[in-house]
Structure formats: structure tokens, C-alpha cells
């Protein structure tokens, strides 16, 4: 049985030519899943200036225009043999409305195009996609730049240094999710660990231990852990990538160089300042040239 039985695509009409629709349809076709497309429209503040009767008519005309467009899209998809349902609705609270759809429909995957936000805006407001990464109870597939409608190359980004049981379990979920996606899409699966030897590792240094010796020993230990992790899941040597670098930049460079379609990453809950600044998965959304599947 396919991993995906029901997919939920959230979009809005400013994205009529969004690759998210094509990718969601391709994944639904490959997996045999039902696809529900929900167009959520932020409430138009300008309509509040109209008289009540005129406002209601304007709202209905606006919705009907979008329903007509979406009906045409759904008809085309059904002609390809897909089982598709649609809806168009106003959204007073976009994050909560999306989460309500997830809770009501119980899909296996939430699909949405990455909503790029400026650094300035992210300084003062938590982006919608970050909210979804932190609070959505199911995997979130955020569509970014892509080379293929259906993924051909998928990378599972793991943390080989993870020593805590919960971190090991997250690695397992990442790899299983990536493996299932690769099987359904007939894609190549790669495993990647970007390690960053930072000042955090130097706190316990003794006076006589040189930095070069520490780096060499730490790298050897991490590489051994990564090889063991790769071996447990049968990932061949030519699809294992152990690279040095800060995770966000290293993943972005790798994805660009190797034309990766999807990076599968974990979602980690943060508190305090870490939550304010965002996680690796959250920051990579605005830099990586591909889609991100967050587990």
C-alpha cells in the first residue's frame, strides 16, 4: 500500500501558475492518493468600505471567479485519472485555518509553496511557513525551486552526531520518509550529513590538545557514525555524502551543485532565543534551490 492516501494542497490565487499544483498532482498520481486542493483567500479589507449588500455581492463574485478557475484545474487533473476535490474559502487567520483543514481532513502530507519573506520582516514577525513547521502535526512539503515535477533526486539530511534517543528516532523518521518518497517517485535517494566543527566542541579542550588533533579525531568519529547509519538503511557508498560546513550553506551548495529536487529534514522544537531565531530547517527555506519535506 502507498504511504500517501490523501494529500492536502494549500494555495491561493496569486499563485495560479504555482509549481505546487503540478507537483502535488504528480505525487498524487505516482502514489494513487486522493488530492484535496484548498484555496484560502485572506479577507479583503477594502470590502469593508462597501455597504453591507454590495460587500456581500463583491465577496461572492470574488469567490466565484476563483471557484471557476479551480474547477477548470480540477477537471484537467481528473482527466488524467486523479481523484481530486476542491474548495475556495476566506481565511481570517491563515495559520489556524490551515491547521484546522489538516485536523479535519487528516491528510498524510501538507503541500504548500514556500512563501518567501524578507530578513527585515522575519526580524519582527514569524513567517507563516515557520508557524506550520512548528505546529503542523503531519509532514510538511514546502515547494521551492525544482528541476522536475516529480522528484528525481531526494536527499535525506541527517545528524550523525545525534546521541539522544529522540534525535536517533528523528534520523530514522527522516530516512524512512525520504525512502518512501523515493520509492513512490522512482527517485534516487541520497544521505547527507553536514558537520560543523564550531566553538561548541572546544569547551572541554585540555591545554595540551591541539585544534588540528581535535578536528581529526572528531571528524573520524562522526564519519564512522554516519557510515554506520547509512549502512543500516542500505544506502550505497556513492550516495553517502559527509561534508564539512555550516548546515544551511552546505546543504544549499550541495542541492545547487547536484540538482537536488527535495531535501528531507527534521523539525526540532526550540525554546527561547533559539525559537525566535529559527532552526536550520526554517532558515534553509529561503536559500535552498529546491523543495523541503519537513518531518
C-alpha atoms as a PDB file:
ATOM      1  CA  UNK A   1       0.000   0.000   0.000  1.00  0.00           C
ATOM      2  CA  UNK A   2       1.230   3.525  -0.788  1.00  0.00           C
ATOM      3  CA  UNK A   3       2.436   5.683   2.075  1.00  0.00           C
ATOM      4  CA  UNK A   4       0.174   8.512   0.907  1.00  0.00           C
ATOM      5  CA  UNK A   5      -3.588   8.013   0.822  1.00  0.00           C
ATOM      6  CA  UNK A   6      -4.680  11.664   0.982  1.00  0.00           C
ATOM      7  CA  UNK A   7      -2.751  14.820   0.110  1.00  0.00           C
ATOM      8  CA  UNK A   8      -3.762  18.354   1.073  1.00  0.00           C
ATOM      9  CA  UNK A   9      -2.568  21.242  -1.099  1.00  0.00           C
ATOM     10  CA  UNK A  10      -2.979  24.740   0.299  1.00  0.00           C
ATOM     11  CA  UNK A  11      -2.640  27.546  -2.222  1.00  0.00           C
ATOM     12  CA  UNK A  12      -4.018  30.954  -3.111  1.00  0.00           C
ATOM     13  CA  UNK A  13      -4.970  32.579  -6.358  1.00  0.00           C
ATOM     14  CA  UNK A  14      -1.931  34.799  -6.582  1.00  0.00           C
ATOM     15  CA  UNK A  15      -0.155  31.506  -7.308  1.00  0.00           C
ATOM     16  CA  UNK A  16      -2.254  30.421 -10.291  1.00  0.00           C
ATOM     17  CA  UNK A  17       0.891  29.307 -12.064  1.00  0.00           C
ATOM     18  CA  UNK A  18       2.453  27.825  -8.953  1.00  0.00           C
ATOM     19  CA  UNK A  19       4.554  24.661  -9.404  1.00  0.00           C
ATOM     20  CA  UNK A  20       2.929  23.401  -6.201  1.00  0.00           C
ATOM     21  CA  UNK A  21      -0.207  22.343  -8.112  1.00  0.00           C
ATOM     22  CA  UNK A  22       1.796  20.413 -10.681  1.00  0.00           C
ATOM     23  CA  UNK A  23       3.963  18.765  -8.032  1.00  0.00           C
ATOM     24  CA  UNK A  24       1.012  17.839  -5.833  1.00  0.00           C
ATOM     25  CA  UNK A  25      -0.777  16.332  -8.843  1.00  0.00           C
ATOM     26  CA  UNK A  26       2.328  14.399  -9.909  1.00  0.00           C
ATOM     27  CA  UNK A  27       2.803  12.998  -6.399  1.00  0.00           C
ATOM     28  CA  UNK A  28      -0.888  12.070  -6.171  1.00  0.00           C
ATOM     29  CA  UNK A  29      -0.676  10.277  -9.500  1.00  0.00           C
ATOM     30  CA  UNK A  30       2.514   8.428  -8.558  1.00  0.00           C
ATOM     31  CA  UNK A  31       1.120   7.311  -5.188  1.00  0.00           C
ATOM     32  CA  UNK A  32      -2.540   6.848  -6.123  1.00  0.00           C
ATOM     33  CA  UNK A  33      -3.534   9.274  -3.361  1.00  0.00           C
ATOM     34  CA  UNK A  34      -6.609  11.490  -3.294  1.00  0.00           C
ATOM     35  CA  UNK A  35      -5.803  15.176  -3.636  1.00  0.00           C
ATOM     36  CA  UNK A  36      -7.729  17.962  -1.950  1.00  0.00           C
ATOM     37  CA  UNK A  37      -6.924  21.491  -3.153  1.00  0.00           C
ATOM     38  CA  UNK A  38      -7.929  24.286  -0.805  1.00  0.00           C
ATOM     39  CA  UNK A  39      -7.640  27.885  -1.977  1.00  0.00           C
ATOM     40  CA  UNK A  40      -7.608  30.065   1.128  1.00  0.00           C
ATOM     41  CA  UNK A  41      -8.071  33.774   0.497  1.00  0.00           C
ATOM     42  CA  UNK A  42      -7.119  36.392   3.095  1.00  0.00           C
ATOM     43  CA  UNK A  43     -10.084  38.613   3.915  1.00  0.00           C
ATOM     44  CA  UNK A  44     -10.071  41.696   1.692  1.00  0.00           C
ATOM     45  CA  UNK A  45     -10.016  44.767   3.934  1.00  0.00           C
ATOM     46  CA  UNK A  46     -11.150  47.030   1.088  1.00  0.00           C
ATOM     47  CA  UNK A  47     -14.505  45.240   1.014  1.00  0.00           C
ATOM     48  CA  UNK A  48     -15.269  46.569   4.489  1.00  0.00           C
ATOM     49  CA  UNK A  49     -15.618  50.038   2.944  1.00  0.00           C
ATOM     50  CA  UNK A  50     -18.633  48.927   0.916  1.00  0.00           C
ATOM     51  CA  UNK A  51     -22.239  48.869   2.072  1.00  0.00           C
ATOM     52  CA  UNK A  52     -23.346  45.515   3.501  1.00  0.00           C
ATOM     53  CA  UNK A  53     -25.318  44.415   0.423  1.00  0.00           C
ATOM     54  CA  UNK A  54     -22.626  45.494  -2.020  1.00  0.00           C
ATOM     55  CA  UNK A  55     -19.956  43.905   0.149  1.00  0.00           C
ATOM     56  CA  UNK A  56     -21.703  40.533   0.170  1.00  0.00           C
ATOM     57  CA  UNK A  57     -22.131  40.611  -3.616  1.00  0.00           C
ATOM     58  CA  UNK A  58     -18.499  41.598  -4.142  1.00  0.00           C
ATOM     59  CA  UNK A  59     -17.302  38.803  -1.862  1.00  0.00           C
ATOM     60  CA  UNK A  60     -19.405  36.236  -3.693  1.00  0.00           C
ATOM     61  CA  UNK A  61     -18.241  37.411  -7.143  1.00  0.00           C
ATOM     62  CA  UNK A  62     -14.650  37.250  -5.978  1.00  0.00           C
ATOM     63  CA  UNK A  63     -15.071  33.704  -4.663  1.00  0.00           C
ATOM     64  CA  UNK A  64     -16.953  32.557  -7.767  1.00  0.00           C
ATOM     65  CA  UNK A  65     -14.174  33.737 -10.060  1.00  0.00           C
ATOM     66  CA  UNK A  66     -11.723  31.647  -8.087  1.00  0.00           C
ATOM     67  CA  UNK A  67     -14.076  28.658  -7.962  1.00  0.00           C
ATOM     68  CA  UNK A  68     -14.394  28.741 -11.758  1.00  0.00           C
ATOM     69  CA  UNK A  69     -10.634  28.779 -12.200  1.00  0.00           C
ATOM     70  CA  UNK A  70     -10.118  25.971  -9.693  1.00  0.00           C
ATOM     71  CA  UNK A  71     -12.891  23.886 -11.278  1.00  0.00           C
ATOM     72  CA  UNK A  72     -11.039  24.059 -14.595  1.00  0.00           C
ATOM     73  CA  UNK A  73      -7.826  22.934 -12.902  1.00  0.00           C
ATOM     74  CA  UNK A  74      -9.588  20.041 -11.203  1.00  0.00           C
ATOM     75  CA  UNK A  75     -11.266  18.969 -14.439  1.00  0.00           C
ATOM     76  CA  UNK A  76      -7.884  18.759 -16.160  1.00  0.00           C
ATOM     77  CA  UNK A  77      -6.460  16.686 -13.314  1.00  0.00           C
ATOM     78  CA  UNK A  78      -9.447  14.326 -13.273  1.00  0.00           C
ATOM     79  CA  UNK A  79      -8.979  13.723 -16.999  1.00  0.00           C
ATOM     80  CA  UNK A  80      -5.581  12.276 -16.036  1.00  0.00           C
ATOM     81  CA  UNK A  81      -7.273   9.821 -13.679  1.00  0.00           C
ATOM     82  CA  UNK A  82      -6.708  11.677 -10.405  1.00  0.00           C
ATOM     83  CA  UNK A  83      -9.272  11.791  -7.628  1.00  0.00           C
ATOM     84  CA  UNK A  84      -9.495  15.498  -6.825  1.00  0.00           C
ATOM     85  CA  UNK A  85     -11.706  17.590  -4.555  1.00  0.00           C
ATOM     86  CA  UNK A  86     -11.591  21.371  -4.220  1.00  0.00           C
ATOM     87  CA  UNK A  87     -12.756  24.284  -2.113  1.00  0.00           C
ATOM     88  CA  UNK A  88     -12.393  28.051  -2.030  1.00  0.00           C
ATOM     89  CA  UNK A  89     -12.806  29.881   1.269  1.00  0.00           C
ATOM     90  CA  UNK A  90     -11.976  33.077   3.100  1.00  0.00           C
ATOM     91  CA  UNK A  91      -9.215  32.890   5.711  1.00  0.00           C
ATOM     92  CA  UNK A  92      -9.320  35.274   8.668  1.00  0.00           C
ATOM     93  CA  UNK A  93      -6.384  33.524  10.372  1.00  0.00           C
ATOM     94  CA  UNK A  94      -4.300  31.756   7.724  1.00  0.00           C
ATOM     95  CA  UNK A  95      -2.195  29.640  10.076  1.00  0.00           C
ATOM     96  CA  UNK A  96      -5.139  28.445  12.147  1.00  0.00           C
ATOM     97  CA  UNK A  97      -7.311  27.844   9.087  1.00  0.00           C
ATOM     98  CA  UNK A  98      -4.597  25.655   7.547  1.00  0.00           C
ATOM     99  CA  UNK A  99      -4.203  23.689  10.781  1.00  0.00           C
ATOM    100  CA  UNK A 100      -7.989  23.317  11.003  1.00  0.00           C
ATOM    101  CA  UNK A 101      -8.003  21.830   7.481  1.00  0.00           C
ATOM    102  CA  UNK A 102      -5.266  19.404   8.499  1.00  0.00           C
ATOM    103  CA  UNK A 103      -7.184  18.317  11.595  1.00  0.00           C
ATOM    104  CA  UNK A 104     -10.458  17.946   9.686  1.00  0.00           C
ATOM    105  CA  UNK A 105      -9.119  16.100   6.640  1.00  0.00           C
ATOM    106  CA  UNK A 106      -6.340  14.097   8.342  1.00  0.00           C
ATOM    107  CA  UNK A 107      -4.109  14.044   5.239  1.00  0.00           C
ATOM    108  CA  UNK A 108      -0.785  12.218   5.121  1.00  0.00           C
ATOM    109  CA  UNK A 109       1.033  15.256   3.773  1.00  0.00           C
ATOM    110  CA  UNK A 110       0.504  19.020   3.689  1.00  0.00           C
ATOM    111  CA  UNK A 111       1.788  20.618   0.476  1.00  0.00           C
ATOM    112  CA  UNK A 112       2.337  24.356   0.108  1.00  0.00           C
ATOM    113  CA  UNK A 113       4.593  26.643  -1.883  1.00  0.00           C
ATOM    114  CA  UNK A 114       7.352  28.351   0.102  1.00  0.00           C
ATOM    115  CA  UNK A 115       6.293  31.878   0.995  1.00  0.00           C
ATOM    116  CA  UNK A 116       9.462  33.954   0.820  1.00  0.00           C
ATOM    117  CA  UNK A 117       9.808  36.637   3.470  1.00  0.00           C
ATOM    118  CA  UNK A 118      12.470  39.336   3.751  1.00  0.00           C
ATOM    119  CA  UNK A 119      15.050  39.295   6.539  1.00  0.00           C
ATOM    120  CA  UNK A 120      13.580  42.553   7.822  1.00  0.00           C
ATOM    121  CA  UNK A 121      10.086  41.077   8.070  1.00  0.00           C
ATOM    122  CA  UNK A 122      11.376  37.876   9.690  1.00  0.00           C
ATOM    123  CA  UNK A 123      13.031  40.035  12.361  1.00  0.00           C
ATOM    124  CA  UNK A 124       9.667  41.252  13.621  1.00  0.00           C
ATOM    125  CA  UNK A 125       7.168  38.597  12.506  1.00  0.00           C
ATOM    126  CA  UNK A 126       7.286  34.823  12.493  1.00  0.00           C
ATOM    127  CA  UNK A 127       6.661  33.705   8.872  1.00  0.00           C
ATOM    128  CA  UNK A 128       3.622  31.542   8.129  1.00  0.00           C
ATOM    129  CA  UNK A 129       5.809  28.659   6.944  1.00  0.00           C
ATOM    130  CA  UNK A 130       7.733  28.730  10.231  1.00  0.00           C
ATOM    131  CA  UNK A 131       4.452  28.514  12.123  1.00  0.00           C
ATOM    132  CA  UNK A 132       3.469  25.464  10.078  1.00  0.00           C
ATOM    133  CA  UNK A 133       6.837  23.796  10.629  1.00  0.00           C
ATOM    134  CA  UNK A 134       6.440  24.280  14.367  1.00  0.00           C
ATOM    135  CA  UNK A 135       2.783  23.393  14.816  1.00  0.00           C
ATOM    136  CA  UNK A 136       1.567  21.195  11.947  1.00  0.00           C
ATOM    137  CA  UNK A 137       1.072  17.626  13.229  1.00  0.00           C
ATOM    138  CA  UNK A 138       1.913  15.984   9.872  1.00  0.00           C
ATOM    139  CA  UNK A 139       4.892  16.182   7.460  1.00  0.00           C
ATOM    140  CA  UNK A 140       5.025  19.470   5.549  1.00  0.00           C
ATOM    141  CA  UNK A 141       6.132  19.526   1.899  1.00  0.00           C
ATOM    142  CA  UNK A 142       7.178  23.084   1.011  1.00  0.00           C
ATOM    143  CA  UNK A 143       7.627  23.536  -2.722  1.00  0.00           C
ATOM    144  CA  UNK A 144      10.562  25.654  -3.844  1.00  0.00           C
ATOM    145  CA  UNK A 145      12.692  25.749  -6.961  1.00  0.00           C
ATOM    146  CA  UNK A 146      12.572  22.441  -8.780  1.00  0.00           C
ATOM    147  CA  UNK A 147      14.156  20.684 -11.722  1.00  0.00           C
ATOM    148  CA  UNK A 148      11.408  18.094 -12.176  1.00  0.00           C
ATOM    149  CA  UNK A 149       7.669  17.987 -11.498  1.00  0.00           C
ATOM    150  CA  UNK A 150       8.099  14.574  -9.889  1.00  0.00           C
ATOM    151  CA  UNK A 151      11.268  14.379  -7.764  1.00  0.00           C
ATOM    152  CA  UNK A 152      14.174  12.511  -9.344  1.00  0.00           C
ATOM    153  CA  UNK A 153      16.823  13.123  -6.660  1.00  0.00           C
ATOM    154  CA  UNK A 154      15.968  13.154  -2.956  1.00  0.00           C
ATOM    155  CA  UNK A 155      18.383  13.894  -0.110  1.00  0.00           C
ATOM    156  CA  UNK A 156      17.788  12.870   3.492  1.00  0.00           C
ATOM    157  CA  UNK A 157      19.664  15.339   5.726  1.00  0.00           C
ATOM    158  CA  UNK A 158      20.577  13.632   8.998  1.00  0.00           C
ATOM    159  CA  UNK A 159      22.602  14.408  12.113  1.00  0.00           C
ATOM    160  CA  UNK A 160      25.189  11.680  12.639  1.00  0.00           C
ATOM    161  CA  UNK A 161      26.262  13.262  15.919  1.00  0.00           C
ATOM    162  CA  UNK A 162      22.821  12.717  17.455  1.00  0.00           C
ATOM    163  CA  UNK A 163      23.343  10.786  20.659  1.00  0.00           C
ATOM    164  CA  UNK A 164      19.978  11.272  22.364  1.00  0.00           C
ATOM    165  CA  UNK A 165      17.266   8.647  21.713  1.00  0.00           C
ATOM    166  CA  UNK A 166      14.845  11.297  20.405  1.00  0.00           C
ATOM    167  CA  UNK A 167      17.468  12.503  17.893  1.00  0.00           C
ATOM    168  CA  UNK A 168      18.138   8.959  16.706  1.00  0.00           C
ATOM    169  CA  UNK A 169      14.404   8.476  16.267  1.00  0.00           C
ATOM    170  CA  UNK A 170      14.226  11.679  14.214  1.00  0.00           C
ATOM    171  CA  UNK A 171      17.002  10.413  11.943  1.00  0.00           C
ATOM    172  CA  UNK A 172      15.014   7.234  11.454  1.00  0.00           C
ATOM    173  CA  UNK A 173      11.836   9.138  10.579  1.00  0.00           C
ATOM    174  CA  UNK A 174      13.738  11.346   8.136  1.00  0.00           C
ATOM    175  CA  UNK A 175      15.282   8.392   6.334  1.00  0.00           C
ATOM    176  CA  UNK A 176      12.057   6.394   6.213  1.00  0.00           C
ATOM    177  CA  UNK A 177      10.103   9.362   4.891  1.00  0.00           C
ATOM    178  CA  UNK A 178      12.770  10.047   2.258  1.00  0.00           C
ATOM    179  CA  UNK A 179      12.948   6.377   1.299  1.00  0.00           C
ATOM    180  CA  UNK A 180       9.179   6.094   0.914  1.00  0.00           C
ATOM    181  CA  UNK A 181       9.063   9.236  -1.223  1.00  0.00           C
ATOM    182  CA  UNK A 182      11.922   7.962  -3.393  1.00  0.00           C
ATOM    183  CA  UNK A 183      10.216   4.601  -3.924  1.00  0.00           C
ATOM    184  CA  UNK A 184       6.900   6.184  -4.907  1.00  0.00           C
ATOM    185  CA  UNK A 185       8.588   8.638  -7.285  1.00  0.00           C
ATOM    186  CA  UNK A 186      11.194   6.152  -8.573  1.00  0.00           C
ATOM    187  CA  UNK A 187      13.834   8.668  -7.488  1.00  0.00           C
ATOM    188  CA  UNK A 188      17.436   8.356  -6.318  1.00  0.00           C
ATOM    189  CA  UNK A 189      17.879   8.550  -2.550  1.00  0.00           C
ATOM    190  CA  UNK A 190      20.991  10.150  -1.068  1.00  0.00           C
ATOM    191  CA  UNK A 191      22.023  10.516   2.566  1.00  0.00           C
ATOM    192  CA  UNK A 192      23.865  13.659   3.676  1.00  0.00           C
ATOM    193  CA  UNK A 193      25.417  14.889   6.885  1.00  0.00           C
ATOM    194  CA  UNK A 194      26.894  18.382   7.025  1.00  0.00           C
ATOM    195  CA  UNK A 195      29.093  18.684  10.097  1.00  0.00           C
ATOM    196  CA  UNK A 196      30.224  21.964  11.566  1.00  0.00           C
ATOM    197  CA  UNK A 197      33.144  21.933  13.994  1.00  0.00           C
ATOM    198  CA  UNK A 198      32.406  25.084  15.948  1.00  0.00           C
ATOM    199  CA  UNK A 199      33.454  26.592  19.218  1.00  0.00           C
ATOM    200  CA  UNK A 200      30.872  24.403  20.952  1.00  0.00           C
ATOM    201  CA  UNK A 201      33.191  21.422  20.561  1.00  0.00           C
ATOM    202  CA  UNK A 202      36.171  23.248  22.045  1.00  0.00           C
ATOM    203  CA  UNK A 203      34.794  23.911  25.511  1.00  0.00           C
ATOM    204  CA  UNK A 204      36.275  20.767  27.031  1.00  0.00           C
ATOM    205  CA  UNK A 205      39.707  21.127  25.395  1.00  0.00           C
ATOM    206  CA  UNK A 206      42.704  20.363  27.545  1.00  0.00           C
ATOM    207  CA  UNK A 207      45.726  22.635  27.415  1.00  0.00           C
ATOM    208  CA  UNK A 208      47.825  20.089  25.556  1.00  0.00           C
ATOM    209  CA  UNK A 209      45.337  19.155  22.849  1.00  0.00           C
ATOM    210  CA  UNK A 210      45.837  20.895  19.535  1.00  0.00           C
ATOM    211  CA  UNK A 211      42.908  22.054  17.444  1.00  0.00           C
ATOM    212  CA  UNK A 212      44.077  20.017  14.432  1.00  0.00           C
ATOM    213  CA  UNK A 213      44.135  16.840  16.520  1.00  0.00           C
ATOM    214  CA  UNK A 214      40.645  17.546  17.841  1.00  0.00           C
ATOM    215  CA  UNK A 215      39.283  18.161  14.358  1.00  0.00           C
ATOM    216  CA  UNK A 216      40.833  14.993  13.019  1.00  0.00           C
ATOM    217  CA  UNK A 217      39.549  12.852  15.871  1.00  0.00           C
ATOM    218  CA  UNK A 218      36.086  14.374  15.852  1.00  0.00           C
ATOM    219  CA  UNK A 219      35.753  14.022  12.099  1.00  0.00           C
ATOM    220  CA  UNK A 220      36.788  10.371  12.261  1.00  0.00           C
ATOM    221  CA  UNK A 221      34.213   9.636  14.971  1.00  0.00           C
ATOM    222  CA  UNK A 222      31.412  11.455  13.137  1.00  0.00           C
ATOM    223  CA  UNK A 223      32.259   9.831   9.825  1.00  0.00           C
ATOM    224  CA  UNK A 224      32.176   6.389  11.442  1.00  0.00           C
ATOM    225  CA  UNK A 225      28.760   7.161  12.935  1.00  0.00           C
ATOM    226  CA  UNK A 226      27.492   8.373   9.548  1.00  0.00           C
ATOM    227  CA  UNK A 227      28.756   5.251   7.742  1.00  0.00           C
ATOM    228  CA  UNK A 228      27.050   3.021  10.309  1.00  0.00           C
ATOM    229  CA  UNK A 229      23.783   4.956   9.920  1.00  0.00           C
ATOM    230  CA  UNK A 230      23.973   4.723   6.126  1.00  0.00           C
ATOM    231  CA  UNK A 231      24.726   1.012   6.297  1.00  0.00           C
ATOM    232  CA  UNK A 232      21.696   0.282   8.463  1.00  0.00           C
ATOM    233  CA  UNK A 233      19.451   1.595   5.691  1.00  0.00           C
ATOM    234  CA  UNK A 234      21.361   0.104   2.790  1.00  0.00           C
ATOM    235  CA  UNK A 235      22.422   3.419   1.258  1.00  0.00           C
ATOM    236  CA  UNK A 236      25.231   2.682  -1.253  1.00  0.00           C
ATOM    237  CA  UNK A 237      28.607   4.374  -0.802  1.00  0.00           C
ATOM    238  CA  UNK A 238      28.216   6.595  -3.872  1.00  0.00           C
ATOM    239  CA  UNK A 239      25.055   8.120  -2.378  1.00  0.00           C
ATOM    240  CA  UNK A 240      26.516   8.935   1.019  1.00  0.00           C
ATOM    241  CA  UNK A 241      27.732  12.494   1.464  1.00  0.00           C
ATOM    242  CA  UNK A 242      29.753  13.510   4.503  1.00  0.00           C
ATOM    243  CA  UNK A 243      30.680  17.167   4.088  1.00  0.00           C
ATOM    244  CA  UNK A 244      32.208  19.963   6.135  1.00  0.00           C
ATOM    245  CA  UNK A 245      30.372  23.214   6.598  1.00  0.00           C
ATOM    246  CA  UNK A 246      27.673  25.193   8.315  1.00  0.00           C
ATOM    247  CA  UNK A 247      24.497  23.163   7.648  1.00  0.00           C
ATOM    248  CA  UNK A 248      22.423  25.807   5.854  1.00  0.00           C
ATOM    249  CA  UNK A 249      25.148  26.883   3.427  1.00  0.00           C
ATOM    250  CA  UNK A 250      26.459  23.332   2.946  1.00  0.00           C
ATOM    251  CA  UNK A 251      23.020  21.951   2.109  1.00  0.00           C
ATOM    252  CA  UNK A 252      22.265  24.824  -0.251  1.00  0.00           C
ATOM    253  CA  UNK A 253      25.556  24.413  -2.108  1.00  0.00           C
ATOM    254  CA  UNK A 254      25.084  20.655  -2.378  1.00  0.00           C
ATOM    255  CA  UNK A 255      21.491  20.992  -3.609  1.00  0.00           C
ATOM    256  CA  UNK A 256      22.531  23.510  -6.253  1.00  0.00           C
ATOM    257  CA  UNK A 257      25.579  21.571  -7.448  1.00  0.00           C
ATOM    258  CA  UNK A 258      23.807  18.206  -7.656  1.00  0.00           C
ATOM    259  CA  UNK A 259      20.392  19.477  -8.832  1.00  0.00           C
ATOM    260  CA  UNK A 260      18.526  18.039  -5.872  1.00  0.00           C
ATOM    261  CA  UNK A 261      14.721  18.103  -6.099  1.00  0.00           C
ATOM    262  CA  UNK A 262      13.789  17.556  -2.437  1.00  0.00           C
ATOM    263  CA  UNK A 263      15.669  17.732   0.852  1.00  0.00           C
ATOM    264  CA  UNK A 264      14.034  15.784   3.686  1.00  0.00           C
ATOM    265  CA  UNK A 265      14.827  17.330   7.068  1.00  0.00           C
ATOM    266  CA  UNK A 266      13.711  17.095  10.658  1.00  0.00           C
ATOM    267  CA  UNK A 267      11.687  19.626  12.604  1.00  0.00           C
ATOM    268  CA  UNK A 268      13.100  20.332  16.055  1.00  0.00           C
ATOM    269  CA  UNK A 269      11.196  22.254  18.703  1.00  0.00           C
ATOM    270  CA  UNK A 270      13.108  25.178  20.156  1.00  0.00           C
ATOM    271  CA  UNK A 271      12.528  27.417  23.125  1.00  0.00           C
ATOM    272  CA  UNK A 272      13.570  30.968  23.992  1.00  0.00           C
ATOM    273  CA  UNK A 273      16.069  32.696  21.726  1.00  0.00           C
ATOM    274  CA  UNK A 274      16.527  29.616  19.508  1.00  0.00           C
ATOM    275  CA  UNK A 275      12.814  29.665  18.782  1.00  0.00           C
ATOM    276  CA  UNK A 276      12.970  33.367  17.942  1.00  0.00           C
ATOM    277  CA  UNK A 277      15.921  32.979  15.580  1.00  0.00           C
ATOM    278  CA  UNK A 278      14.594  29.856  13.879  1.00  0.00           C
ATOM    279  CA  UNK A 279      16.013  26.400  13.179  1.00  0.00           C
ATOM    280  CA  UNK A 280      18.200  25.133  10.338  1.00  0.00           C
ATOM    281  CA  UNK A 281      15.121  23.782   8.554  1.00  0.00           C
ATOM    282  CA  UNK A 282      13.322  27.109   8.872  1.00  0.00           C
ATOM    283  CA  UNK A 283      16.204  29.196   7.566  1.00  0.00           C
ATOM    284  CA  UNK A 284      17.002  26.873   4.696  1.00  0.00           C
ATOM    285  CA  UNK A 285      13.585  27.575   3.153  1.00  0.00           C
ATOM    286  CA  UNK A 286      14.755  30.957   1.893  1.00  0.00           C
ATOM    287  CA  UNK A 287      18.068  29.796   0.449  1.00  0.00           C
ATOM    288  CA  UNK A 288      17.842  26.244  -0.850  1.00  0.00           C
ATOM    289  CA  UNK A 289      17.110  25.906  -4.610  1.00  0.00           C
ATOM    290  CA  UNK A 290      14.674  23.003  -4.187  1.00  0.00           C
ATOM    291  CA  UNK A 291      11.706  21.778  -2.173  1.00  0.00           C
ATOM    292  CA  UNK A 292      11.861  20.825   1.506  1.00  0.00           C
ATOM    293  CA  UNK A 293       9.963  17.966   3.152  1.00  0.00           C
ATOM    294  CA  UNK A 294       9.961  18.567   6.916  1.00  0.00           C
ATOM    295  CA  UNK A 295       9.356  15.585   9.182  1.00  0.00           C
END
